[in-house]
């Protein structure tokens, strides 16, 4: 493994949440929650996995989160952002939601487009996401070995982190 991409919460400027308070924030009855579409977008399969983890922490959390989640990205008929806009940034910028659960890389990119948005990490007990790896054959050329090593170098890891990826 050389990098991870986990779920984060992209929040509006008026949402005061931290990893420790995020689940309670998401469960507020008036909070408008956005997600991608399960089976259409891999990040949303992770979102529903996170909802199941939330259920283990708070009875009824899965049903509440599942019922309120507006699936706004990933389907053919999903709302289309204007040309040049990232869907997550546009949806949040238009105040259609209070929180959007998405990959941290999407959240970071949306915050770069709309700086007032906040990126909140999920607490360890809710964290889910993808781990990206590579495999080298035993007879791999030196250039392939060098490339693999370069992905793990602190300088490369710093670049990945700037874009919202997590460490291996």
N, C-alpha and C. Protein backbone atom coordinates (compact mmCIF):
# COMPACT_ATOMS: atom_id res chain seq x y z
N UNK A 1 0.85 -1.17 0.00
CA UNK A 1 0.00 0.00 0.00
C UNK A 1 0.90 1.23 0.00
N UNK A 2 0.48 2.21 -0.82
CA UNK A 2 1.26 3.45 -0.85
C UNK A 2 0.45 4.67 -0.48
N UNK A 3 -0.89 4.56 -0.44
CA UNK A 3 -1.72 5.70 -0.07
C UNK A 3 -3.14 5.21 0.26
N UNK A 4 -3.87 6.03 1.03
CA UNK A 4 -5.27 5.74 1.39
C UNK A 4 -6.15 6.92 0.97
N UNK A 5 -7.42 6.64 0.76
CA UNK A 5 -8.41 7.69 0.55
C UNK A 5 -9.62 7.31 1.39
N UNK A 6 -9.84 8.03 2.46
CA UNK A 6 -10.94 7.71 3.36
C UNK A 6 -12.06 8.73 3.19
N UNK A 7 -13.18 8.44 3.81
CA UNK A 7 -14.29 9.38 3.79
C UNK A 7 -14.02 10.54 4.73
N UNK A 8 -14.51 11.69 4.36
CA UNK A 8 -14.49 12.90 5.18
C UNK A 8 -15.87 13.53 5.09
N UNK A 9 -16.10 14.44 5.98
CA UNK A 9 -17.31 15.26 5.92
C UNK A 9 -16.92 16.63 5.40
N UNK A 10 -17.56 17.05 4.34
CA UNK A 10 -17.40 18.40 3.81
C UNK A 10 -18.58 19.18 4.36
N UNK A 11 -18.29 20.22 5.14
CA UNK A 11 -19.38 20.94 5.81
C UNK A 11 -19.43 22.40 5.39
N UNK A 12 -20.60 22.95 5.56
CA UNK A 12 -20.76 24.39 5.36
C UNK A 12 -20.06 25.13 6.47
N UNK A 13 -19.82 26.41 6.26
CA UNK A 13 -19.09 27.23 7.22
C UNK A 13 -19.81 27.33 8.57
N UNK A 14 -21.13 27.19 8.58
CA UNK A 14 -21.89 27.34 9.82
C UNK A 14 -22.02 26.05 10.62
N UNK A 15 -21.45 24.97 10.14
CA UNK A 15 -21.49 23.70 10.87
C UNK A 15 -20.23 23.58 11.70
N UNK A 16 -20.41 23.50 13.00
CA UNK A 16 -19.27 23.37 13.91
C UNK A 16 -19.18 21.91 14.35
N UNK A 17 -18.37 21.16 13.63
CA UNK A 17 -18.20 19.74 13.94
C UNK A 17 -16.71 19.42 14.00
N UNK A 18 -16.40 18.44 14.80
CA UNK A 18 -15.05 17.91 14.91
C UNK A 18 -15.20 16.40 14.75
N UNK A 19 -14.10 15.68 14.62
CA UNK A 19 -14.24 14.22 14.57
C UNK A 19 -15.03 13.68 15.76
N UNK A 20 -14.81 14.24 16.93
CA UNK A 20 -15.48 13.74 18.14
C UNK A 20 -16.99 14.02 18.15
N UNK A 21 -17.42 15.07 17.47
CA UNK A 21 -18.85 15.45 17.49
C UNK A 21 -19.56 15.16 16.18
N UNK A 22 -18.84 14.62 15.21
CA UNK A 22 -19.41 14.48 13.86
C UNK A 22 -20.66 13.60 13.83
N UNK A 23 -20.64 12.46 14.49
CA UNK A 23 -21.81 11.58 14.43
C UNK A 23 -23.04 12.27 15.01
N UNK A 24 -22.90 12.92 16.15
CA UNK A 24 -24.05 13.65 16.72
C UNK A 24 -24.52 14.74 15.77
N UNK A 25 -23.60 15.40 15.11
CA UNK A 25 -23.95 16.44 14.14
C UNK A 25 -24.75 15.83 12.99
N UNK A 26 -24.28 14.71 12.45
CA UNK A 26 -24.98 14.07 11.33
C UNK A 26 -26.37 13.59 11.72
N UNK A 27 -26.55 13.25 12.98
CA UNK A 27 -27.85 12.72 13.44
C UNK A 27 -28.85 13.81 13.80
N UNK A 28 -28.43 15.07 13.78
CA UNK A 28 -29.39 16.15 14.06
C UNK A 28 -30.56 16.06 13.08
N UNK A 29 -31.78 16.15 13.58
CA UNK A 29 -32.96 16.00 12.70
C UNK A 29 -33.01 17.01 11.55
N UNK A 30 -32.53 18.22 11.77
CA UNK A 30 -32.64 19.25 10.73
C UNK A 30 -31.45 19.28 9.77
N UNK A 31 -30.40 18.50 10.07
CA UNK A 31 -29.21 18.53 9.21
C UNK A 31 -29.51 17.90 7.85
N UNK A 32 -29.10 18.60 6.80
CA UNK A 32 -29.28 18.10 5.43
C UNK A 32 -27.97 17.42 5.01
N UNK A 33 -28.06 16.11 4.72
CA UNK A 33 -26.90 15.28 4.45
C UNK A 33 -26.89 14.84 3.00
N UNK A 34 -25.75 15.00 2.35
CA UNK A 34 -25.60 14.57 0.96
C UNK A 34 -24.57 13.47 0.84
N UNK A 35 -24.79 12.61 -0.16
CA UNK A 35 -23.88 11.51 -0.45
C UNK A 35 -23.84 11.28 -1.95
N UNK A 36 -22.96 10.42 -2.35
CA UNK A 36 -22.99 9.91 -3.71
C UNK A 36 -23.96 8.73 -3.73
N UNK A 37 -24.09 8.09 -4.87
CA UNK A 37 -25.07 7.03 -5.04
C UNK A 37 -24.42 5.65 -4.90
N UNK A 38 -24.90 4.82 -3.96
CA UNK A 38 -24.33 3.48 -3.83
C UNK A 38 -24.41 2.70 -5.14
N UNK A 39 -23.41 1.93 -5.38
CA UNK A 39 -23.26 1.08 -6.57
C UNK A 39 -22.98 1.89 -7.84
N UNK A 40 -23.09 3.20 -7.76
CA UNK A 40 -22.74 4.07 -8.88
C UNK A 40 -21.42 4.79 -8.63
N UNK A 41 -21.08 4.94 -7.36
CA UNK A 41 -19.89 5.66 -6.97
C UNK A 41 -19.30 4.92 -5.77
N UNK A 42 -18.06 4.44 -5.88
CA UNK A 42 -17.48 3.65 -4.78
C UNK A 42 -17.47 4.36 -3.44
N UNK A 43 -17.32 5.67 -3.41
CA UNK A 43 -17.27 6.35 -2.12
C UNK A 43 -18.58 6.17 -1.36
N UNK A 44 -19.67 5.99 -2.07
CA UNK A 44 -20.91 5.82 -1.34
C UNK A 44 -21.09 4.44 -0.78
N UNK A 45 -20.50 3.43 -1.39
CA UNK A 45 -20.51 2.12 -0.75
C UNK A 45 -19.81 2.23 0.60
N UNK A 46 -18.75 3.02 0.66
CA UNK A 46 -18.06 3.26 1.92
C UNK A 46 -18.94 4.06 2.88
N UNK A 47 -19.73 4.97 2.35
CA UNK A 47 -20.61 5.77 3.21
C UNK A 47 -21.60 4.88 3.94
N UNK A 48 -22.20 3.94 3.22
CA UNK A 48 -23.16 3.06 3.88
C UNK A 48 -22.45 2.11 4.85
N UNK A 49 -21.22 1.75 4.57
CA UNK A 49 -20.43 0.99 5.54
C UNK A 49 -20.23 1.83 6.81
N UNK A 50 -19.97 3.12 6.63
CA UNK A 50 -19.83 4.01 7.78
C UNK A 50 -21.15 4.11 8.55
N UNK A 51 -22.29 4.14 7.84
CA UNK A 51 -23.58 4.18 8.51
C UNK A 51 -23.76 2.94 9.41
N UNK A 52 -23.31 1.78 8.92
CA UNK A 52 -23.39 0.55 9.73
C UNK A 52 -22.49 0.67 10.97
N UNK A 53 -21.31 1.26 10.82
CA UNK A 53 -20.43 1.48 11.97
C UNK A 53 -21.09 2.44 12.96
N UNK A 54 -21.80 3.43 12.46
CA UNK A 54 -22.50 4.37 13.33
C UNK A 54 -23.58 3.65 14.14
N UNK A 55 -24.24 2.70 13.53
CA UNK A 55 -25.28 1.92 14.22
C UNK A 55 -24.69 1.17 15.41
N UNK A 56 -23.45 0.67 15.25
CA UNK A 56 -22.80 -0.03 16.36
C UNK A 56 -22.51 0.90 17.52
N UNK A 57 -22.41 2.20 17.24
CA UNK A 57 -22.13 3.18 18.29
C UNK A 57 -23.40 3.76 18.89
N UNK A 58 -24.43 3.94 18.04
CA UNK A 58 -25.70 4.53 18.48
C UNK A 58 -26.85 3.79 17.82
N UNK A 59 -27.64 3.13 18.62
CA UNK A 59 -28.78 2.40 18.11
C UNK A 59 -29.71 3.33 17.34
N UNK A 60 -30.06 2.96 16.13
CA UNK A 60 -30.95 3.76 15.29
C UNK A 60 -30.22 4.70 14.34
N UNK A 61 -28.90 4.79 14.49
CA UNK A 61 -28.14 5.71 13.64
C UNK A 61 -28.22 5.32 12.17
N UNK A 62 -28.15 4.03 11.87
CA UNK A 62 -28.18 3.61 10.46
C UNK A 62 -29.48 4.07 9.81
N UNK A 63 -30.59 3.78 10.43
CA UNK A 63 -31.89 4.14 9.84
C UNK A 63 -32.01 5.65 9.65
N UNK A 64 -31.55 6.40 10.63
CA UNK A 64 -31.62 7.87 10.53
C UNK A 64 -30.76 8.37 9.38
N UNK A 65 -29.52 7.92 9.30
CA UNK A 65 -28.60 8.38 8.26
C UNK A 65 -29.06 7.93 6.88
N UNK A 66 -29.49 6.69 6.78
CA UNK A 66 -29.96 6.15 5.50
C UNK A 66 -31.17 6.94 5.00
N UNK A 67 -32.07 7.28 5.89
CA UNK A 67 -33.29 8.00 5.51
C UNK A 67 -33.01 9.44 5.07
N UNK A 68 -32.04 10.08 5.71
CA UNK A 68 -31.82 11.49 5.40
C UNK A 68 -30.81 11.71 4.28
N UNK A 69 -30.04 10.69 3.91
CA UNK A 69 -28.99 10.86 2.90
C UNK A 69 -29.59 11.15 1.53
N UNK A 70 -29.26 12.30 0.98
CA UNK A 70 -29.69 12.68 -0.37
C UNK A 70 -28.58 12.28 -1.33
N UNK A 71 -28.87 11.40 -2.24
CA UNK A 71 -27.89 10.87 -3.19
C UNK A 71 -27.81 11.81 -4.39
N UNK A 72 -26.81 12.68 -4.37
CA UNK A 72 -26.76 13.76 -5.36
C UNK A 72 -25.66 13.63 -6.41
N UNK A 73 -24.80 12.64 -6.29
CA UNK A 73 -23.69 12.49 -7.23
C UNK A 73 -23.60 11.03 -7.63
N UNK A 74 -23.24 10.79 -8.89
CA UNK A 74 -22.95 9.43 -9.32
C UNK A 74 -23.98 8.79 -10.23
N UNK A 75 -25.20 9.29 -10.25
CA UNK A 75 -26.22 8.72 -11.14
C UNK A 75 -26.25 9.50 -12.44
N UNK A 76 -26.80 8.89 -13.46
CA UNK A 76 -26.94 9.55 -14.76
C UNK A 76 -27.78 10.81 -14.63
N UNK A 77 -28.80 10.76 -13.78
CA UNK A 77 -29.69 11.91 -13.64
C UNK A 77 -29.33 12.80 -12.44
N UNK A 78 -28.11 12.66 -11.91
CA UNK A 78 -27.67 13.53 -10.82
C UNK A 78 -27.60 14.97 -11.31
N UNK A 79 -27.82 15.93 -10.40
CA UNK A 79 -27.69 17.33 -10.80
C UNK A 79 -26.30 17.60 -11.37
N UNK A 80 -26.24 18.34 -12.46
CA UNK A 80 -24.96 18.62 -13.12
C UNK A 80 -24.48 20.01 -12.72
N UNK A 81 -23.24 20.10 -12.24
CA UNK A 81 -22.71 21.43 -11.91
C UNK A 81 -22.41 22.21 -13.17
N UNK A 82 -22.31 23.52 -13.05
CA UNK A 82 -21.91 24.32 -14.21
C UNK A 82 -20.52 23.91 -14.68
N UNK A 83 -20.25 24.17 -15.92
CA UNK A 83 -18.95 23.86 -16.52
C UNK A 83 -17.81 24.40 -15.65
N UNK A 84 -16.84 23.56 -15.37
CA UNK A 84 -15.67 23.98 -14.61
C UNK A 84 -15.83 23.92 -13.10
N UNK A 85 -17.00 23.49 -12.62
CA UNK A 85 -17.23 23.40 -11.18
C UNK A 85 -17.20 21.94 -10.73
N UNK A 86 -16.61 21.70 -9.59
CA UNK A 86 -16.62 20.39 -8.97
C UNK A 86 -18.00 20.19 -8.33
N UNK A 87 -18.62 19.05 -8.55
CA UNK A 87 -19.98 18.81 -8.07
C UNK A 87 -20.12 19.07 -6.57
N UNK A 88 -19.18 18.58 -5.77
CA UNK A 88 -19.28 18.72 -4.32
C UNK A 88 -19.19 20.20 -3.92
N UNK A 89 -18.28 20.93 -4.52
CA UNK A 89 -18.13 22.36 -4.22
C UNK A 89 -19.38 23.11 -4.64
N UNK A 90 -19.90 22.82 -5.81
CA UNK A 90 -21.08 23.51 -6.32
C UNK A 90 -22.30 23.25 -5.44
N UNK A 91 -22.53 21.98 -5.09
CA UNK A 91 -23.68 21.63 -4.25
C UNK A 91 -23.60 22.34 -2.91
N UNK A 92 -22.42 22.32 -2.30
CA UNK A 92 -22.25 22.98 -1.00
C UNK A 92 -22.30 24.49 -1.12
N UNK A 93 -21.74 25.04 -2.19
CA UNK A 93 -21.74 26.47 -2.41
C UNK A 93 -23.16 27.01 -2.60
N UNK A 94 -24.01 26.20 -3.18
CA UNK A 94 -25.41 26.58 -3.39
C UNK A 94 -26.27 26.36 -2.15
N UNK A 95 -25.64 25.93 -1.05
CA UNK A 95 -26.32 25.67 0.23
C UNK A 95 -27.46 24.67 0.08
N UNK A 96 -27.26 23.66 -0.78
CA UNK A 96 -28.25 22.61 -0.93
C UNK A 96 -28.19 21.62 0.23
N UNK A 97 -27.05 21.60 0.93
CA UNK A 97 -26.80 20.67 2.03
C UNK A 97 -26.04 21.36 3.14
N UNK A 98 -26.01 20.68 4.29
CA UNK A 98 -25.17 21.14 5.40
C UNK A 98 -23.86 20.35 5.43
N UNK A 99 -23.94 19.06 5.09
CA UNK A 99 -22.78 18.17 5.11
C UNK A 99 -22.85 17.24 3.92
N UNK A 100 -21.71 17.03 3.28
CA UNK A 100 -21.60 16.05 2.20
C UNK A 100 -20.52 15.06 2.60
N UNK A 101 -20.86 13.77 2.63
CA UNK A 101 -19.88 12.73 2.91
C UNK A 101 -19.26 12.29 1.59
N UNK A 102 -17.95 12.38 1.49
CA UNK A 102 -17.26 12.05 0.26
C UNK A 102 -15.82 11.67 0.58
N UNK A 103 -15.10 11.22 -0.42
CA UNK A 103 -13.67 10.97 -0.22
C UNK A 103 -13.00 12.25 0.25
N UNK A 104 -11.98 12.11 1.09
CA UNK A 104 -11.23 13.28 1.56
C UNK A 104 -10.62 14.04 0.38
N UNK A 105 -10.22 13.34 -0.67
CA UNK A 105 -9.64 14.02 -1.83
C UNK A 105 -10.66 14.95 -2.48
N UNK A 106 -11.93 14.51 -2.56
CA UNK A 106 -12.99 15.37 -3.10
C UNK A 106 -13.25 16.55 -2.17
N UNK A 107 -13.24 16.29 -0.87
CA UNK A 107 -13.49 17.35 0.11
C UNK A 107 -12.40 18.43 0.03
N UNK A 108 -11.15 18.00 -0.07
CA UNK A 108 -10.04 18.96 -0.16
C UNK A 108 -10.16 19.78 -1.44
N UNK A 109 -10.47 19.12 -2.55
CA UNK A 109 -10.63 19.84 -3.82
C UNK A 109 -11.80 20.83 -3.75
N UNK A 110 -12.89 20.43 -3.12
CA UNK A 110 -14.04 21.33 -2.97
C UNK A 110 -13.69 22.53 -2.11
N UNK A 111 -12.93 22.30 -1.05
CA UNK A 111 -12.53 23.41 -0.18
C UNK A 111 -11.58 24.36 -0.91
N UNK A 112 -10.77 23.85 -1.81
CA UNK A 112 -9.90 24.72 -2.60
C UNK A 112 -10.73 25.60 -3.51
N UNK A 113 -11.83 25.06 -4.02
CA UNK A 113 -12.72 25.84 -4.88
C UNK A 113 -13.57 26.82 -4.08
N UNK A 114 -14.01 26.40 -2.90
CA UNK A 114 -14.86 27.23 -2.04
C UNK A 114 -14.22 27.23 -0.65
N UNK A 115 -13.31 28.15 -0.39
CA UNK A 115 -12.51 28.12 0.84
C UNK A 115 -13.30 28.17 2.15
N UNK A 116 -14.52 28.66 2.16
CA UNK A 116 -15.26 28.73 3.42
C UNK A 116 -15.76 27.34 3.87
N UNK A 117 -15.73 26.36 2.98
CA UNK A 117 -16.14 25.01 3.36
C UNK A 117 -15.10 24.42 4.31
N UNK A 118 -15.55 23.49 5.14
CA UNK A 118 -14.66 22.84 6.10
C UNK A 118 -14.56 21.35 5.79
N UNK A 119 -13.40 20.78 6.06
CA UNK A 119 -13.18 19.35 5.90
C UNK A 119 -13.01 18.77 7.30
N UNK A 120 -13.87 17.82 7.65
CA UNK A 120 -13.82 17.19 8.97
C UNK A 120 -13.53 15.70 8.78
N UNK A 121 -12.48 15.24 9.43
CA UNK A 121 -12.13 13.83 9.39
C UNK A 121 -13.14 13.02 10.19
N UNK A 122 -13.42 11.80 9.75
CA UNK A 122 -14.25 10.90 10.54
C UNK A 122 -13.42 10.40 11.72
N UNK A 123 -14.08 10.15 12.86
CA UNK A 123 -13.34 9.59 13.99
C UNK A 123 -12.89 8.16 13.65
N UNK A 124 -11.86 7.67 14.32
CA UNK A 124 -11.33 6.34 13.99
C UNK A 124 -12.39 5.23 13.97
N UNK A 125 -13.37 5.30 14.86
CA UNK A 125 -14.38 4.23 14.93
C UNK A 125 -15.37 4.27 13.76
N UNK A 126 -15.37 5.34 12.98
CA UNK A 126 -16.24 5.43 11.80
C UNK A 126 -15.47 5.42 10.49
N UNK A 127 -14.17 5.47 10.55
CA UNK A 127 -13.34 5.64 9.36
C UNK A 127 -13.45 4.44 8.42
N UNK A 128 -13.69 4.74 7.16
CA UNK A 128 -13.72 3.74 6.09
C UNK A 128 -13.14 4.37 4.84
N UNK A 129 -12.70 3.54 3.93
CA UNK A 129 -12.16 4.07 2.69
C UNK A 129 -11.34 3.05 1.94
N UNK A 130 -10.65 3.53 0.96
CA UNK A 130 -9.88 2.68 0.06
C UNK A 130 -8.39 2.76 0.38
N UNK A 131 -7.74 1.63 0.22
CA UNK A 131 -6.28 1.57 0.35
C UNK A 131 -5.74 1.20 -1.03
N UNK A 132 -4.81 2.00 -1.52
CA UNK A 132 -4.25 1.79 -2.85
C UNK A 132 -2.85 1.19 -2.73
N UNK A 133 -2.64 0.15 -3.47
CA UNK A 133 -1.35 -0.52 -3.41
C UNK A 133 -0.81 -0.83 -4.78
N UNK A 134 0.37 -1.35 -4.79
CA UNK A 134 0.98 -1.82 -6.03
C UNK A 134 1.79 -3.05 -5.71
N UNK A 135 2.02 -3.84 -6.71
CA UNK A 135 2.78 -5.07 -6.56
C UNK A 135 3.92 -5.06 -7.57
N UNK A 136 5.07 -5.50 -7.11
CA UNK A 136 6.22 -5.64 -8.00
C UNK A 136 6.52 -7.12 -8.19
N UNK A 137 6.79 -7.48 -9.40
CA UNK A 137 7.23 -8.85 -9.67
C UNK A 137 8.63 -9.02 -9.08
N UNK A 138 8.98 -10.25 -8.78
CA UNK A 138 10.32 -10.50 -8.23
C UNK A 138 11.41 -10.14 -9.24
N UNK A 139 11.07 -10.20 -10.52
CA UNK A 139 12.06 -9.85 -11.55
C UNK A 139 11.81 -8.44 -12.11
N UNK A 140 11.21 -7.57 -11.32
CA UNK A 140 10.89 -6.22 -11.78
C UNK A 140 12.16 -5.46 -12.13
N UNK A 141 12.09 -4.65 -13.19
CA UNK A 141 13.26 -3.83 -13.54
C UNK A 141 13.55 -2.81 -12.44
N UNK A 142 14.78 -2.36 -12.39
CA UNK A 142 15.18 -1.39 -11.37
C UNK A 142 14.35 -0.11 -11.45
N UNK A 143 13.94 0.26 -12.66
CA UNK A 143 13.14 1.48 -12.79
C UNK A 143 11.78 1.32 -12.10
N UNK A 144 11.20 0.12 -12.15
CA UNK A 144 9.93 -0.12 -11.49
C UNK A 144 10.10 -0.10 -9.97
N UNK A 145 11.18 -0.68 -9.50
CA UNK A 145 11.47 -0.67 -8.07
C UNK A 145 11.70 0.76 -7.60
N UNK A 146 12.43 1.52 -8.37
CA UNK A 146 12.69 2.92 -8.03
C UNK A 146 11.39 3.72 -7.98
N UNK A 147 10.51 3.47 -8.96
CA UNK A 147 9.22 4.17 -8.98
C UNK A 147 8.41 3.83 -7.74
N UNK A 148 8.34 2.55 -7.39
CA UNK A 148 7.59 2.13 -6.21
C UNK A 148 8.15 2.78 -4.95
N UNK A 149 9.46 2.81 -4.84
CA UNK A 149 10.09 3.44 -3.68
C UNK A 149 9.81 4.94 -3.65
N UNK A 150 9.75 5.56 -4.82
CA UNK A 150 9.50 7.00 -4.86
C UNK A 150 8.10 7.34 -4.36
N UNK A 151 7.13 6.44 -4.56
CA UNK A 151 5.76 6.68 -4.08
C UNK A 151 5.69 6.69 -2.56
N UNK A 152 6.61 5.99 -1.92
CA UNK A 152 6.64 5.92 -0.47
C UNK A 152 7.54 6.97 0.17
N UNK A 153 8.28 7.69 -0.65
CA UNK A 153 9.21 8.70 -0.13
C UNK A 153 8.43 9.82 0.55
N UNK A 154 9.01 10.42 1.59
CA UNK A 154 8.32 11.52 2.29
C UNK A 154 7.86 12.64 1.35
N UNK A 155 8.63 12.97 0.33
CA UNK A 155 8.22 14.04 -0.58
C UNK A 155 6.96 13.66 -1.36
N UNK A 156 6.88 12.43 -1.81
CA UNK A 156 5.67 11.98 -2.53
C UNK A 156 4.48 11.90 -1.58
N UNK A 157 4.71 11.41 -0.38
CA UNK A 157 3.62 11.31 0.60
C UNK A 157 3.09 12.70 0.95
N UNK A 158 3.96 13.69 0.99
CA UNK A 158 3.53 15.07 1.26
C UNK A 158 2.62 15.58 0.15
N UNK A 159 2.94 15.24 -1.09
CA UNK A 159 2.09 15.64 -2.22
C UNK A 159 0.73 14.96 -2.11
N UNK A 160 0.73 13.67 -1.84
CA UNK A 160 -0.54 12.95 -1.67
C UNK A 160 -1.38 13.60 -0.56
N UNK A 161 -0.75 13.93 0.55
CA UNK A 161 -1.48 14.53 1.66
C UNK A 161 -2.07 15.89 1.29
N UNK A 162 -1.37 16.67 0.50
CA UNK A 162 -1.91 17.97 0.07
C UNK A 162 -3.20 17.80 -0.69
N UNK A 163 -3.36 16.67 -1.38
CA UNK A 163 -4.56 16.41 -2.16
C UNK A 163 -5.62 15.63 -1.38
N UNK A 164 -5.37 15.40 -0.08
CA UNK A 164 -6.37 14.74 0.76
C UNK A 164 -6.18 13.26 0.99
N UNK A 165 -5.14 12.68 0.41
CA UNK A 165 -4.88 11.26 0.63
C UNK A 165 -4.25 11.07 2.00
N UNK A 166 -4.44 9.88 2.57
CA UNK A 166 -3.83 9.55 3.85
C UNK A 166 -2.62 8.65 3.65
N UNK A 167 -1.84 8.53 4.69
CA UNK A 167 -0.63 7.72 4.63
C UNK A 167 -0.98 6.24 4.63
N UNK A 168 -0.05 5.45 4.09
CA UNK A 168 -0.30 3.99 4.08
C UNK A 168 -0.40 3.41 5.49
